[in-house]
N, C-alpha and C. Protein backbone atom coordinates (compact mmCIF):
# COMPACT_ATOMS: atom_id res chain seq x y z
N UNK A 1 6.78 -7.57 11.54
CA UNK A 1 6.52 -8.23 10.15
C UNK A 1 7.11 -7.57 9.07
N UNK A 2 7.42 -6.21 9.18
CA UNK A 2 8.09 -5.52 8.11
C UNK A 2 9.42 -6.15 7.70
N UNK A 3 10.05 -6.75 8.65
CA UNK A 3 11.38 -7.26 8.34
C UNK A 3 11.38 -8.38 7.37
N UNK A 4 10.17 -9.00 7.10
CA UNK A 4 10.17 -10.18 6.28
C UNK A 4 9.42 -9.81 4.87
N UNK A 5 8.82 -8.61 4.79
CA UNK A 5 7.89 -8.52 3.64
C UNK A 5 8.73 -7.81 2.55
N UNK A 6 8.44 -8.28 1.23
CA UNK A 6 9.15 -7.79 0.13
C UNK A 6 7.99 -7.71 -1.00
N UNK A 7 8.23 -6.80 -2.00
CA UNK A 7 7.23 -6.78 -3.07
C UNK A 7 7.10 -7.93 -3.74
N UNK A 8 5.95 -8.42 -4.12
CA UNK A 8 5.66 -9.78 -4.74
C UNK A 8 5.93 -9.65 -6.25
N UNK A 9 6.05 -8.42 -6.78
CA UNK A 9 6.30 -8.18 -8.29
C UNK A 9 7.86 -8.21 -8.56
N UNK A 10 8.67 -7.49 -7.76
CA UNK A 10 10.08 -7.10 -8.07
C UNK A 10 10.96 -7.71 -6.96
N UNK A 11 10.31 -8.22 -5.85
CA UNK A 11 11.16 -8.78 -4.74
C UNK A 11 12.15 -7.62 -4.03
N UNK A 12 11.71 -6.54 -4.15
CA UNK A 12 12.34 -5.33 -3.53
C UNK A 12 12.06 -5.45 -2.08
N UNK A 13 13.17 -5.12 -1.23
CA UNK A 13 13.10 -5.00 0.16
C UNK A 13 14.04 -3.95 0.66
N UNK A 14 13.58 -3.32 1.65
CA UNK A 14 12.41 -3.24 2.48
C UNK A 14 11.32 -2.21 1.83
N UNK A 15 10.14 -2.53 2.29
CA UNK A 15 9.09 -1.78 1.83
C UNK A 15 8.81 -0.61 2.76
N UNK A 16 8.51 0.50 2.27
CA UNK A 16 8.25 1.78 2.98
C UNK A 16 6.83 1.70 3.66
N UNK A 17 6.68 1.90 4.96
CA UNK A 17 5.34 1.88 5.65
C UNK A 17 4.84 3.32 5.78
N UNK A 18 3.61 3.46 5.42
CA UNK A 18 2.93 4.74 5.51
C UNK A 18 1.84 4.50 6.55
N UNK A 19 1.75 4.81 7.74
CA UNK A 19 0.72 4.64 8.66
C UNK A 19 -0.39 5.65 8.48
N UNK A 20 -1.65 5.22 8.37
CA UNK A 20 -2.75 6.03 8.32
C UNK A 20 -3.49 6.09 9.62
N UNK A 21 -3.71 4.96 10.23
CA UNK A 21 -4.34 4.71 11.49
C UNK A 21 -3.61 3.67 12.11
N UNK A 22 -3.13 4.03 13.48
CA UNK A 22 -2.36 3.02 14.24
C UNK A 22 -2.69 3.11 15.63
N UNK A 23 -2.53 2.04 16.42
CA UNK A 23 -2.77 1.94 17.83
C UNK A 23 -1.55 1.27 18.57
N UNK A 24 -0.65 2.00 19.04
CA UNK A 24 0.53 1.43 19.61
C UNK A 24 1.53 0.96 18.48
N UNK A 25 1.71 -0.31 18.53
CA UNK A 25 2.77 -0.95 17.50
C UNK A 25 1.98 -1.47 16.32
N UNK A 26 0.60 -1.41 16.32
CA UNK A 26 -0.20 -2.01 15.37
C UNK A 26 -0.71 -0.95 14.44
N UNK A 27 -0.67 -1.26 13.11
CA UNK A 27 -1.18 -0.46 12.04
C UNK A 27 -2.35 -0.97 11.65
N UNK A 28 -3.44 -0.10 11.86
CA UNK A 28 -4.77 -0.56 11.57
C UNK A 28 -5.11 -0.33 10.09
N UNK A 29 -4.67 0.80 9.51
CA UNK A 29 -4.95 1.13 8.21
C UNK A 29 -3.65 1.93 7.72
N UNK A 30 -3.07 1.48 6.48
CA UNK A 30 -1.83 2.05 5.97
C UNK A 30 -1.60 1.56 4.59
N UNK A 31 -0.29 1.79 4.09
CA UNK A 31 0.02 1.50 2.86
C UNK A 31 1.41 0.95 2.94
N UNK A 32 1.79 -0.06 2.17
CA UNK A 32 3.23 -0.61 2.11
C UNK A 32 3.67 -0.09 0.71
N UNK A 33 4.79 0.55 0.62
CA UNK A 33 5.05 1.10 -0.72
C UNK A 33 6.48 0.51 -1.21
N UNK A 34 6.43 -0.01 -2.34
CA UNK A 34 7.68 -0.43 -3.04
C UNK A 34 8.36 0.79 -3.78
N UNK A 35 9.49 1.17 -3.16
CA UNK A 35 10.10 2.30 -3.77
C UNK A 35 10.81 2.01 -5.16
N UNK A 36 10.92 0.87 -5.40
CA UNK A 36 11.53 0.40 -6.68
C UNK A 36 10.62 0.46 -7.90
N UNK A 37 9.28 -0.21 -7.66
CA UNK A 37 8.32 -0.25 -8.78
C UNK A 37 7.06 0.69 -8.64
N UNK A 38 7.14 1.52 -7.58
CA UNK A 38 5.98 2.35 -6.96
C UNK A 38 4.75 1.69 -6.95
N UNK A 39 4.68 0.47 -6.42
CA UNK A 39 3.45 -0.30 -6.31
C UNK A 39 3.13 0.03 -4.72
N UNK A 40 1.87 0.15 -4.54
CA UNK A 40 1.46 0.25 -3.09
C UNK A 40 0.66 -0.90 -2.84
N UNK A 41 0.54 -1.18 -1.52
CA UNK A 41 -0.28 -2.29 -1.05
C UNK A 41 -0.99 -1.86 0.16
N UNK A 42 -2.37 -1.67 0.14
CA UNK A 42 -3.14 -1.28 1.22
C UNK A 42 -3.11 -2.26 2.44
N UNK A 43 -3.13 -1.54 3.68
CA UNK A 43 -3.25 -2.34 4.85
C UNK A 43 -4.60 -2.10 5.37
N UNK A 44 -5.39 -2.99 5.39
CA UNK A 44 -6.96 -2.88 5.89
C UNK A 44 -7.22 -3.77 7.05
N UNK A 45 -7.78 -3.24 8.08
CA UNK A 45 -8.01 -3.99 9.40
C UNK A 45 -6.81 -4.72 9.74
N UNK A 46 -5.69 -4.15 9.86
CA UNK A 46 -4.30 -4.69 10.26
C UNK A 46 -3.82 -5.61 9.27
N UNK A 47 -4.31 -5.96 8.17
CA UNK A 47 -3.99 -7.02 7.26
C UNK A 47 -3.36 -6.34 5.86
N UNK A 48 -2.12 -6.61 5.62
CA UNK A 48 -1.49 -6.12 4.32
C UNK A 48 -2.08 -6.97 3.17
N UNK A 49 -2.56 -6.26 2.16
CA UNK A 49 -3.16 -6.93 0.99
C UNK A 49 -1.99 -6.89 -0.10
N UNK A 50 -1.30 -7.85 -0.27
CA UNK A 50 -0.12 -7.90 -1.15
C UNK A 50 -0.22 -8.98 -2.26
N UNK A 51 -1.37 -8.69 -2.97
CA UNK A 51 -1.63 -9.54 -4.08
C UNK A 51 -0.98 -9.04 -5.42
N UNK A 52 -0.59 -9.97 -6.40
CA UNK A 52 -0.11 -9.60 -7.69
C UNK A 52 -1.20 -8.66 -8.37
N UNK A 53 -0.85 -8.00 -9.34
CA UNK A 53 -1.76 -7.08 -9.83
C UNK A 53 -3.06 -7.67 -10.49
N UNK A 54 -2.99 -8.86 -11.25
CA UNK A 54 -3.90 -9.58 -11.89
C UNK A 54 -5.08 -10.07 -10.76
N UNK A 55 -4.58 -10.10 -9.48
CA UNK A 55 -5.61 -10.63 -8.57
C UNK A 55 -6.28 -9.43 -7.57
N UNK A 56 -5.77 -8.30 -7.87
CA UNK A 56 -6.27 -7.05 -7.07
C UNK A 56 -7.52 -6.65 -7.67
N UNK A 57 -8.34 -6.06 -6.95
CA UNK A 57 -9.58 -5.45 -7.26
C UNK A 57 -9.52 -4.08 -7.39
N UNK A 58 -9.48 -3.59 -8.67
CA UNK A 58 -9.16 -2.05 -9.15
C UNK A 58 -10.25 -1.25 -8.25
N UNK A 59 -11.51 -1.56 -8.26
CA UNK A 59 -12.56 -0.63 -7.49
C UNK A 59 -12.31 -0.45 -6.09
N UNK A 60 -11.88 -1.58 -5.39
CA UNK A 60 -11.36 -1.48 -4.06
C UNK A 60 -10.18 -0.59 -3.65
N UNK A 61 -9.13 -0.78 -4.62
CA UNK A 61 -8.01 0.01 -4.47
C UNK A 61 -8.29 1.45 -4.69
N UNK A 62 -9.01 1.88 -5.70
CA UNK A 62 -9.23 3.22 -6.03
C UNK A 62 -10.16 3.85 -4.79
N UNK A 63 -11.14 3.05 -4.31
CA UNK A 63 -11.75 3.61 -3.06
C UNK A 63 -10.99 3.77 -1.95
N UNK A 64 -10.05 2.87 -1.67
CA UNK A 64 -9.02 3.22 -0.70
C UNK A 64 -8.24 4.47 -0.79
N UNK A 65 -7.72 4.70 -2.00
CA UNK A 65 -6.93 5.89 -2.37
C UNK A 65 -7.81 7.20 -2.19
N UNK A 66 -9.12 7.06 -2.49
CA UNK A 66 -9.93 8.27 -2.36
C UNK A 66 -10.24 8.51 -0.89
N UNK A 67 -10.50 7.35 -0.06
CA UNK A 67 -10.73 7.57 1.29
C UNK A 67 -9.55 8.30 1.97
N UNK A 68 -8.34 7.96 1.67
CA UNK A 68 -7.08 8.41 2.27
C UNK A 68 -6.48 9.45 1.56
N UNK A 69 -6.98 10.00 0.67
CA UNK A 69 -6.26 10.91 -0.39
C UNK A 69 -5.55 12.02 0.26
N UNK A 70 -6.12 12.57 1.32
CA UNK A 70 -5.54 13.62 2.11
C UNK A 70 -4.22 13.35 2.84
N UNK A 71 -4.18 12.01 3.13
CA UNK A 71 -3.08 11.55 4.11
C UNK A 71 -2.04 10.80 3.13
N UNK A 72 -2.22 10.44 2.01
CA UNK A 72 -1.35 9.63 1.20
C UNK A 72 -0.48 10.67 0.33
N UNK A 73 0.94 10.32 0.26
CA UNK A 73 1.79 11.16 -0.54
C UNK A 73 1.09 11.27 -2.02
N UNK A 74 1.35 12.49 -2.66
CA UNK A 74 0.82 12.79 -3.89
C UNK A 74 1.43 11.72 -5.04
N UNK A 75 2.70 11.32 -4.86
CA UNK A 75 3.24 10.39 -5.64
C UNK A 75 2.48 9.13 -5.90
N UNK A 76 1.96 8.59 -4.77
CA UNK A 76 1.14 7.37 -4.72
C UNK A 76 -0.11 7.68 -5.41
N UNK A 77 -0.80 8.80 -5.00
CA UNK A 77 -2.16 9.13 -5.49
C UNK A 77 -2.07 9.28 -7.01
N UNK A 78 -1.02 9.89 -7.60
CA UNK A 78 -0.94 10.22 -9.05
C UNK A 78 -0.16 9.40 -9.87
N UNK A 79 0.73 8.60 -9.18
CA UNK A 79 1.79 7.62 -10.03
C UNK A 79 1.84 6.31 -9.54
N UNK A 80 1.02 5.95 -8.34
CA UNK A 80 1.10 4.66 -7.87
C UNK A 80 0.56 3.60 -8.84
N UNK A 81 1.27 2.32 -8.63
CA UNK A 81 1.05 1.20 -9.44
C UNK A 81 0.08 0.23 -8.54
N UNK A 82 -0.77 -0.62 -8.93
CA UNK A 82 -1.19 -0.70 -10.30
C UNK A 82 -2.25 0.41 -10.83
N UNK A 83 -2.77 1.07 -10.03
CA UNK A 83 -3.70 2.12 -10.33
C UNK A 83 -3.54 3.41 -9.46
N UNK A 84 -3.98 4.49 -10.07
CA UNK A 84 -3.83 5.81 -9.25
C UNK A 84 -5.06 6.63 -9.64
N UNK A 85 -5.32 7.77 -9.02
CA UNK A 85 -6.36 8.61 -9.21
C UNK A 85 -6.04 9.63 -10.40
């Protein structure tokens, strides 16, 4: 699926995959990162959540960042778009 995903904001391709929990070839929890605009898109329960900023839920994104703070690169934690810690 990574072969067809692009950032919905700037259409950058390919996105960087950061696996947090995986089973075989399946990513259960993770992040897709656009290296052009520094936007991150959470993967929750095997589903990438790739909504534009205005449709994202800030509280859910912040909770996700806090939950995985020790495994997510500092760049995403401190500078990631649309929100960071």
